Amino acid sequence: MHQDHSHTCSGGCGSCATPCEHTPMEELTALMKYMANHNAAHTRELAKLADQFQKAGNPVAYQQVMAAVSDYEKANMRLSMVLASLDIH
């Protein structure tokens, strides 16, 4: 079961009516925010998939996917910490 989703970043420079000028750090911060939100969306999708495995009677698949969810959550926490440090500077 694969759900298609967009990998475009709404509100990015491509959508500006006039040319944008951003510092490299602003661009990196915007990309990090996008990636953190994108990963959070995948984490939710994986958790739903795990629930489906559990309902289908496959506890091994459920446990493995939930382990992946835990890994995503750890990575998302690290990305959030980076974003918090960028907002400070």
PDB file of N, CA and C in Angstrom:
ATOM      1  N   MET A   1       0.836  -1.174   0.000  1.00  0.00           N
ATOM      2  CA  MET A   1       0.000   0.000   0.000  1.00  0.00           C
ATOM      3  C   MET A   1       0.878   1.233   0.000  1.00  0.00           C
ATOM      4  N   HIS A   2       0.958   1.917  -1.081  1.00  0.00           N
ATOM      5  CA  HIS A   2       1.796   3.104  -1.219  1.00  0.00           C
ATOM      6  C   HIS A   2       0.892   4.294  -1.460  1.00  0.00           C
ATOM      7  N   GLN A   3       1.094   5.324  -0.671  1.00  0.00           N
ATOM      8  CA  GLN A   3       0.338   6.544  -0.871  1.00  0.00           C
ATOM      9  C   GLN A   3       1.234   7.559  -1.545  1.00  0.00           C
ATOM     10  N   ASP A   4       0.756   8.105  -2.656  1.00  0.00           N
ATOM     11  CA  ASP A   4       1.522   9.148  -3.320  1.00  0.00           C
ATOM     12  C   ASP A   4       1.388  10.435  -2.532  1.00  0.00           C
ATOM     13  N   HIS A   5       2.443  11.192  -2.506  1.00  0.00           N
ATOM     14  CA  HIS A   5       2.398  12.487  -1.866  1.00  0.00           C
ATOM     15  C   HIS A   5       3.404  13.398  -2.539  1.00  0.00           C
ATOM     16  N   SER A   6       3.188  14.660  -2.339  1.00  0.00           N
ATOM     17  CA  SER A   6       4.012  15.649  -3.007  1.00  0.00           C
ATOM     18  C   SER A   6       5.291  15.913  -2.227  1.00  0.00           C
ATOM     19  N   HIS A   7       6.371  16.092  -2.946  1.00  0.00           N
ATOM     20  CA  HIS A   7       7.632  16.475  -2.324  1.00  0.00           C
ATOM     21  C   HIS A   7       7.968  17.921  -2.642  1.00  0.00           C
ATOM     22  N   THR A   8       6.950  18.700  -3.012  1.00  0.00           N
ATOM     23  CA  THR A   8       7.220  20.101  -3.301  1.00  0.00           C
ATOM     24  C   THR A   8       7.071  20.918  -2.038  1.00  0.00           C
ATOM     25  N   CYS A   9       7.750  22.015  -2.012  1.00  0.00           N
ATOM     26  CA  CYS A   9       7.715  22.881  -0.837  1.00  0.00           C
ATOM     27  C   CYS A   9       6.880  24.105  -1.174  1.00  0.00           C
ATOM     28  N   SER A  10       5.656  24.161  -0.686  1.00  0.00           N
ATOM     29  CA  SER A  10       4.812  25.304  -0.990  1.00  0.00           C
ATOM     30  C   SER A  10       5.387  26.540  -0.313  1.00  0.00           C
ATOM     31  N   GLY A  11       5.254  27.641  -0.983  1.00  0.00           N
ATOM     32  CA  GLY A  11       5.779  28.871  -0.431  1.00  0.00           C
ATOM     33  C   GLY A  11       7.267  29.056  -0.675  1.00  0.00           C
ATOM     34  N   GLY A  12       7.877  28.161  -1.417  1.00  0.00           N
ATOM     35  CA  GLY A  12       9.300  28.283  -1.711  1.00  0.00           C
ATOM     36  C   GLY A  12       9.549  29.400  -2.700  1.00  0.00           C
ATOM     37  N   CYS A  13      10.815  29.640  -2.979  1.00  0.00           N
ATOM     38  CA  CYS A  13      11.169  30.749  -3.861  1.00  0.00           C
ATOM     39  C   CYS A  13      10.553  30.623  -5.244  1.00  0.00           C
ATOM     40  N   GLY A  14      10.309  29.401  -5.699  1.00  0.00           N
ATOM     41  CA  GLY A  14       9.717  29.223  -7.020  1.00  0.00           C
ATOM     42  C   GLY A  14       8.326  29.798  -7.130  1.00  0.00           C
ATOM     43  N   SER A  15       7.648  29.995  -5.980  1.00  0.00           N
ATOM     44  CA  SER A  15       6.283  30.507  -6.004  1.00  0.00           C
ATOM     45  C   SER A  15       6.231  32.019  -5.833  1.00  0.00           C
ATOM     46  N   CYS A  16       7.371  32.671  -5.655  1.00  0.00           N
ATOM     47  CA  CYS A  16       7.395  34.119  -5.459  1.00  0.00           C
ATOM     48  C   CYS A  16       7.100  34.841  -6.770  1.00  0.00           C
ATOM     49  N   ALA A  17       6.360  35.937  -6.663  1.00  0.00           N
ATOM     50  CA  ALA A  17       6.071  36.745  -7.847  1.00  0.00           C
ATOM     51  C   ALA A  17       7.304  37.522  -8.283  1.00  0.00           C
ATOM     52  N   THR A  18       8.114  37.897  -7.312  1.00  0.00           N
ATOM     53  CA  THR A  18       9.349  38.612  -7.620  1.00  0.00           C
ATOM     54  C   THR A  18      10.513  37.774  -7.102  1.00  0.00           C
ATOM     55  N   PRO A  19      11.689  37.946  -7.682  1.00  0.00           N
ATOM     56  CA  PRO A  19      12.840  37.151  -7.233  1.00  0.00           C
ATOM     57  C   PRO A  19      13.120  37.361  -5.740  1.00  0.00           C
ATOM     58  N   CYS A  20      13.388  36.265  -5.059  1.00  0.00           N
ATOM     59  CA  CYS A  20      13.681  36.294  -3.627  1.00  0.00           C
ATOM     60  C   CYS A  20      15.179  36.377  -3.410  1.00  0.00           C
ATOM     61  N   GLU A  21      15.528  36.986  -2.311  1.00  0.00           N
ATOM     62  CA  GLU A  21      16.919  36.971  -1.907  1.00  0.00           C
ATOM     63  C   GLU A  21      16.953  36.483  -0.473  1.00  0.00           C
ATOM     64  N   HIS A  22      17.541  35.328  -0.277  1.00  0.00           N
ATOM     65  CA  HIS A  22      17.664  34.741   1.050  1.00  0.00           C
ATOM     66  C   HIS A  22      19.126  34.436   1.303  1.00  0.00           C
ATOM     67  N   THR A  23      19.497  34.516   2.566  1.00  0.00           N
ATOM     68  CA  THR A  23      20.860  34.141   2.911  1.00  0.00           C
ATOM     69  C   THR A  23      20.960  32.620   2.837  1.00  0.00           C
ATOM     70  N   PRO A  24      22.152  32.092   2.697  1.00  0.00           N
ATOM     71  CA  PRO A  24      22.302  30.628   2.696  1.00  0.00           C
ATOM     72  C   PRO A  24      21.722  30.004   3.977  1.00  0.00           C
ATOM     73  N   MET A  25      21.875  30.659   5.123  1.00  0.00           N
ATOM     74  CA  MET A  25      21.345  30.106   6.373  1.00  0.00           C
ATOM     75  C   MET A  25      19.816  30.098   6.359  1.00  0.00           C
ATOM     76  N   GLU A  26      19.196  31.105   5.793  1.00  0.00           N
ATOM     77  CA  GLU A  26      17.736  31.129   5.684  1.00  0.00           C
ATOM     78  C   GLU A  26      17.255  29.977   4.804  1.00  0.00           C
ATOM     79  N   GLU A  27      17.965  29.744   3.721  1.00  0.00           N
ATOM     80  CA  GLU A  27      17.603  28.643   2.831  1.00  0.00           C
ATOM     81  C   GLU A  27      17.778  27.295   3.526  1.00  0.00           C
ATOM     82  N   LEU A  28      18.873  27.135   4.265  1.00  0.00           N
ATOM     83  CA  LEU A  28      19.108  25.888   4.998  1.00  0.00           C
ATOM     84  C   LEU A  28      18.044  25.680   6.075  1.00  0.00           C
ATOM     85  N   THR A  29      17.688  26.747   6.767  1.00  0.00           N
ATOM     86  CA  THR A  29      16.657  26.650   7.805  1.00  0.00           C
ATOM     87  C   THR A  29      15.316  26.261   7.201  1.00  0.00           C
ATOM     88  N   ALA A  30      14.964  26.871   6.083  1.00  0.00           N
ATOM     89  CA  ALA A  30      13.708  26.530   5.418  1.00  0.00           C
ATOM     90  C   ALA A  30      13.704  25.069   4.980  1.00  0.00           C
ATOM     91  N   LEU A  31      14.817  24.599   4.458  1.00  0.00           N
ATOM     92  CA  LEU A  31      14.913  23.201   4.039  1.00  0.00           C
ATOM     93  C   LEU A  31      14.797  22.268   5.241  1.00  0.00           C
ATOM     94  N   MET A  32      15.445  22.625   6.347  1.00  0.00           N
ATOM     95  CA  MET A  32      15.355  21.798   7.558  1.00  0.00           C
ATOM     96  C   MET A  32      13.923  21.730   8.070  1.00  0.00           C
ATOM     97  N   LYS A  33      13.216  22.860   8.062  1.00  0.00           N
ATOM     98  CA  LYS A  33      11.814  22.869   8.502  1.00  0.00           C
ATOM     99  C   LYS A  33      10.980  21.948   7.611  1.00  0.00           C
ATOM    100  N   TYR A  34      11.198  22.055   6.317  1.00  0.00           N
ATOM    101  CA  TYR A  34      10.471  21.201   5.380  1.00  0.00           C
ATOM    102  C   TYR A  34      10.758  19.728   5.656  1.00  0.00           C
ATOM    103  N   MET A  35      12.037  19.389   5.825  1.00  0.00           N
ATOM    104  CA  MET A  35      12.417  17.997   6.048  1.00  0.00           C
ATOM    105  C   MET A  35      11.849  17.462   7.357  1.00  0.00           C
ATOM    106  N   ALA A  36      11.879  18.275   8.407  1.00  0.00           N
ATOM    107  CA  ALA A  36      11.332  17.850   9.696  1.00  0.00           C
ATOM    108  C   ALA A  36       9.832  17.578   9.571  1.00  0.00           C
ATOM    109  N   ASN A  37       9.107  18.465   8.914  1.00  0.00           N
ATOM    110  CA  ASN A  37       7.669  18.254   8.717  1.00  0.00           C
ATOM    111  C   ASN A  37       7.400  17.044   7.833  1.00  0.00           C
ATOM    112  N   HIS A  38       8.206  16.892   6.821  1.00  0.00           N
ATOM    113  CA  HIS A  38       8.061  15.761   5.900  1.00  0.00           C
ATOM    114  C   HIS A  38       8.292  14.440   6.641  1.00  0.00           C
ATOM    115  N   ASN A  39       9.341  14.386   7.457  1.00  0.00           N
ATOM    116  CA  ASN A  39       9.618  13.175   8.232  1.00  0.00           C
ATOM    117  C   ASN A  39       8.499  12.886   9.220  1.00  0.00           C
ATOM    118  N   ALA A  40       7.954  13.916   9.837  1.00  0.00           N
ATOM    119  CA  ALA A  40       6.846  13.718  10.785  1.00  0.00           C
ATOM    120  C   ALA A  40       5.650  13.107  10.065  1.00  0.00           C
ATOM    121  N   ALA A  41       5.397  13.533   8.841  1.00  0.00           N
ATOM    122  CA  ALA A  41       4.291  12.961   8.065  1.00  0.00           C
ATOM    123  C   ALA A  41       4.548  11.482   7.782  1.00  0.00           C
ATOM    124  N   HIS A  42       5.777  11.140   7.431  1.00  0.00           N
ATOM    125  CA  HIS A  42       6.112   9.734   7.194  1.00  0.00           C
ATOM    126  C   HIS A  42       5.993   8.913   8.468  1.00  0.00           C
ATOM    127  N   THR A  43       6.354   9.501   9.593  1.00  0.00           N
ATOM    128  CA  THR A  43       6.234   8.797  10.870  1.00  0.00           C
ATOM    129  C   THR A  43       4.783   8.435  11.137  1.00  0.00           C
ATOM    130  N   ARG A  44       3.884   9.375  10.914  1.00  0.00           N
ATOM    131  CA  ARG A  44       2.450   9.095  11.102  1.00  0.00           C
ATOM    132  C   ARG A  44       1.965   8.015  10.136  1.00  0.00           C
ATOM    133  N   GLU A  45       2.423   8.059   8.886  1.00  0.00           N
ATOM    134  CA  GLU A  45       2.036   7.042   7.900  1.00  0.00           C
ATOM    135  C   GLU A  45       2.516   5.660   8.325  1.00  0.00           C
ATOM    136  N   LEU A  46       3.738   5.587   8.839  1.00  0.00           N
ATOM    137  CA  LEU A  46       4.274   4.297   9.290  1.00  0.00           C
ATOM    138  C   LEU A  46       3.501   3.762  10.487  1.00  0.00           C
ATOM    139  N   ALA A  47       3.121   4.626  11.409  1.00  0.00           N
ATOM    140  CA  ALA A  47       2.351   4.187  12.567  1.00  0.00           C
ATOM    141  C   ALA A  47       0.996   3.617  12.125  1.00  0.00           C
ATOM    142  N   LYS A  48       0.366   4.250  11.143  1.00  0.00           N
ATOM    143  CA  LYS A  48      -0.901   3.728  10.607  1.00  0.00           C
ATOM    144  C   LYS A  48      -0.680   2.374   9.946  1.00  0.00           C
ATOM    145  N   LEU A  49       0.414   2.230   9.214  1.00  0.00           N
ATOM    146  CA  LEU A  49       0.742   0.963   8.580  1.00  0.00           C
ATOM    147  C   LEU A  49       0.955  -0.119   9.630  1.00  0.00           C
ATOM    148  N   ALA A  50       1.644   0.221  10.713  1.00  0.00           N
ATOM    149  CA  ALA A  50       1.860  -0.742  11.795  1.00  0.00           C
ATOM    150  C   ALA A  50       0.526  -1.211  12.365  1.00  0.00           C
ATOM    151  N   ASP A  51      -0.388  -0.281  12.570  1.00  0.00           N
ATOM    152  CA  ASP A  51      -1.718  -0.655  13.078  1.00  0.00           C
ATOM    153  C   ASP A  51      -2.418  -1.634  12.143  1.00  0.00           C
ATOM    154  N   GLN A  52      -2.243  -1.425  10.854  1.00  0.00           N
ATOM    155  CA  GLN A  52      -2.867  -2.335   9.884  1.00  0.00           C
ATOM    156  C   GLN A  52      -2.264  -3.732   9.982  1.00  0.00           C
ATOM    157  N   PHE A  53      -0.956  -3.812  10.180  1.00  0.00           N
ATOM    158  CA  PHE A  53      -0.328  -5.123  10.366  1.00  0.00           C
ATOM    159  C   PHE A  53      -0.849  -5.801  11.626  1.00  0.00           C
ATOM    160  N   GLN A  54      -1.015  -5.021  12.681  1.00  0.00           N
ATOM    161  CA  GLN A  54      -1.533  -5.597  13.923  1.00  0.00           C
ATOM    162  C   GLN A  54      -2.955  -6.120  13.719  1.00  0.00           C
ATOM    163  N   LYS A  55      -3.796  -5.339  13.069  1.00  0.00           N
ATOM    164  CA  LYS A  55      -5.176  -5.758  12.791  1.00  0.00           C
ATOM    165  C   LYS A  55      -5.224  -6.973  11.881  1.00  0.00           C
ATOM    166  N   ALA A  56      -4.225  -7.110  11.000  1.00  0.00           N
ATOM    167  CA  ALA A  56      -4.173  -8.240  10.070  1.00  0.00           C
ATOM    168  C   ALA A  56      -3.598  -9.485  10.732  1.00  0.00           C
ATOM    169  N   GLY A  57      -3.194  -9.364  11.993  1.00  0.00           N
ATOM    170  CA  GLY A  57      -2.690 -10.524  12.714  1.00  0.00           C
ATOM    171  C   GLY A  57      -1.226 -10.825  12.488  1.00  0.00           C
ATOM    172  N   ASN A  58      -0.448  -9.812  12.173  1.00  0.00           N
ATOM    173  CA  ASN A  58       0.982 -10.009  11.957  1.00  0.00           C
ATOM    174  C   ASN A  58       1.765  -9.201  12.999  1.00  0.00           C
ATOM    175  N   PRO A  59       1.919  -9.759  14.209  1.00  0.00           N
ATOM    176  CA  PRO A  59       2.581  -9.001  15.265  1.00  0.00           C
ATOM    177  C   PRO A  59       4.064  -8.729  15.005  1.00  0.00           C
ATOM    178  N   VAL A  60       4.720  -9.596  14.261  1.00  0.00           N
ATOM    179  CA  VAL A  60       6.145  -9.386  13.966  1.00  0.00           C
ATOM    180  C   VAL A  60       6.309  -8.146  13.083  1.00  0.00           C
ATOM    181  N   ALA A  61       5.513  -8.060  12.041  1.00  0.00           N
ATOM    182  CA  ALA A  61       5.577  -6.886  11.166  1.00  0.00           C
ATOM    183  C   ALA A  61       5.205  -5.635  11.952  1.00  0.00           C
ATOM    184  N   TYR A  62       4.186  -5.741  12.805  1.00  0.00           N
ATOM    185  CA  TYR A  62       3.784  -4.608  13.638  1.00  0.00           C
ATOM    186  C   TYR A  62       4.958  -4.124  14.483  1.00  0.00           C
ATOM    187  N   GLN A  63       5.625  -5.041  15.153  1.00  0.00           N
ATOM    188  CA  GLN A  63       6.740  -4.667  16.032  1.00  0.00           C
ATOM    189  C   GLN A  63       7.887  -4.038  15.253  1.00  0.00           C
ATOM    190  N   GLN A  64       8.189  -4.582  14.090  1.00  0.00           N
ATOM    191  CA  GLN A  64       9.296  -4.057  13.296  1.00  0.00           C
ATOM    192  C   GLN A  64       8.986  -2.662  12.759  1.00  0.00           C
ATOM    193  N   VAL A  65       7.755  -2.472  12.306  1.00  0.00           N
ATOM    194  CA  VAL A  65       7.390  -1.151  11.796  1.00  0.00           C
ATOM    195  C   VAL A  65       7.368  -0.145  12.944  1.00  0.00           C
ATOM    196  N   MET A  66       6.893  -0.558  14.116  1.00  0.00           N
ATOM    197  CA  MET A  66       6.901   0.346  15.260  1.00  0.00           C
ATOM    198  C   MET A  66       8.331   0.673  15.697  1.00  0.00           C
ATOM    199  N   ALA A  67       9.250  -0.261  15.520  1.00  0.00           N
ATOM    200  CA  ALA A  67      10.659   0.033  15.793  1.00  0.00           C
ATOM    201  C   ALA A  67      11.153   1.107  14.823  1.00  0.00           C
ATOM    202  N   ALA A  68      10.729   1.015  13.567  1.00  0.00           N
ATOM    203  CA  ALA A  68      11.090   2.042  12.587  1.00  0.00           C
ATOM    204  C   ALA A  68      10.467   3.385  12.965  1.00  0.00           C
ATOM    205  N   VAL A  69       9.231   3.359  13.467  1.00  0.00           N
ATOM    206  CA  VAL A  69       8.577   4.587  13.924  1.00  0.00           C
ATOM    207  C   VAL A  69       9.409   5.220  15.042  1.00  0.00           C
ATOM    208  N   SER A  70       9.878   4.403  15.958  1.00  0.00           N
ATOM    209  CA  SER A  70      10.719   4.902  17.046  1.00  0.00           C
ATOM    210  C   SER A  70      11.994   5.542  16.499  1.00  0.00           C
ATOM    211  N   ASP A  71      12.594   4.908  15.505  1.00  0.00           N
ATOM    212  CA  ASP A  71      13.801   5.466  14.887  1.00  0.00           C
ATOM    213  C   ASP A  71      13.496   6.816  14.230  1.00  0.00           C
ATOM    214  N   TYR A  72      12.375   6.900  13.513  1.00  0.00           N
ATOM    215  CA  TYR A  72      11.972   8.167  12.893  1.00  0.00           C
ATOM    216  C   TYR A  72      11.773   9.235  13.955  1.00  0.00           C
ATOM    217  N   GLU A  73      11.120   8.853  15.071  1.00  0.00           N
ATOM    218  CA  GLU A  73      10.877   9.821  16.136  1.00  0.00           C
ATOM    219  C   GLU A  73      12.182  10.337  16.719  1.00  0.00           C
ATOM    220  N   LYS A  74      13.159   9.469  16.864  1.00  0.00           N
ATOM    221  CA  LYS A  74      14.474   9.902  17.359  1.00  0.00           C
ATOM    222  C   LYS A  74      15.120  10.872  16.372  1.00  0.00           C
ATOM    223  N   ALA A  75      15.058  10.546  15.098  1.00  0.00           N
ATOM    224  CA  ALA A  75      15.628  11.429  14.074  1.00  0.00           C
ATOM    225  C   ALA A  75      14.885  12.759  14.051  1.00  0.00           C
ATOM    226  N   ASN A  76      13.564  12.713  14.172  1.00  0.00           N
ATOM    227  CA  ASN A  76      12.783  13.946  14.173  1.00  0.00           C
ATOM    228  C   ASN A  76      13.140  14.823  15.370  1.00  0.00           C
ATOM    229  N   MET A  77      13.412  14.196  16.510  1.00  0.00           N
ATOM    230  CA  MET A  77      13.821  14.948  17.687  1.00  0.00           C
ATOM    231  C   MET A  77      15.154  15.652  17.432  1.00  0.00           C
ATOM    232  N   ARG A  78      16.075  14.952  16.805  1.00  0.00           N
ATOM    233  CA  ARG A  78      17.375  15.572  16.482  1.00  0.00           C
ATOM    234  C   ARG A  78      17.191  16.755  15.529  1.00  0.00           C
ATOM    235  N   LEU A  79      16.345  16.585  14.520  1.00  0.00           N
ATOM    236  CA  LEU A  79      16.090  17.680  13.583  1.00  0.00           C
ATOM    237  C   LEU A  79      15.451  18.865  14.296  1.00  0.00           C
ATOM    238  N   SER A  80      14.543  18.590  15.227  1.00  0.00           N
ATOM    239  CA  SER A  80      13.910  19.663  15.994  1.00  0.00           C
ATOM    240  C   SER A  80      14.926  20.421  16.826  1.00  0.00           C
ATOM    241  N   MET A  81      15.892  19.698  17.379  1.00  0.00           N
ATOM    242  CA  MET A  81      16.943  20.348  18.165  1.00  0.00           C
ATOM    243  C   MET A  81      17.788  21.264  17.274  1.00  0.00           C
ATOM    244  N   VAL A  82      18.092  20.807  16.073  1.00  0.00           N
ATOM    245  CA  VAL A  82      18.842  21.649  15.133  1.00  0.00           C
ATOM    246  C   VAL A  82      18.034  22.902  14.807  1.00  0.00           C
ATOM    247  N   LEU A  83      16.739  22.724  14.515  1.00  0.00           N
ATOM    248  CA  LEU A  83      15.906  23.864  14.190  1.00  0.00           C
ATOM    249  C   LEU A  83      15.832  24.853  15.355  1.00  0.00           C
ATOM    250  N   ALA A  84      15.719  24.339  16.569  1.00  0.00           N
ATOM    251  CA  ALA A  84      15.675  25.221  17.738  1.00  0.00           C
ATOM    252  C   ALA A  84      16.961  26.030  17.851  1.00  0.00           C
ATOM    253  N   SER A  85      18.090  25.392  17.564  1.00  0.00           N
ATOM    254  CA  SER A  85      19.360  26.115  17.646  1.00  0.00           C
ATOM    255  C   SER A  85      19.479  27.150  16.532  1.00  0.00           C
ATOM    256  N   LEU A  86      18.885  26.893  15.379  1.00  0.00           N
ATOM    257  CA  LEU A  86      18.926  27.850  14.285  1.00  0.00           C
ATOM    258  C   LEU A  86      18.072  29.057  14.581  1.00  0.00           C
ATOM    259  N   ASP A  87      16.945  28.853  15.273  1.00  0.00           N
ATOM    260  CA  ASP A  87      16.055  29.968  15.614  1.00  0.00           C
ATOM    261  C   ASP A  87      16.708  30.897  16.622  1.00  0.00           C
ATOM    262  N   ILE A  88      17.626  30.363  17.421  1.00  0.00           N
ATOM    263  CA  ILE A  88      18.299  31.168  18.438  1.00  0.00           C
ATOM    264  C   ILE A  88      19.285  32.130  17.781  1.00  0.00           C
ATOM    265  N   HIS A  89      19.938  31.663  16.745  1.00  0.00           N
ATOM    266  CA  HIS A  89      21.003  32.469  16.124  1.00  0.00           C
ATOM    267  C   HIS A  89      20.439  33.408  15.126  1.00  0.00           C
TER     268      HIS A  89
END
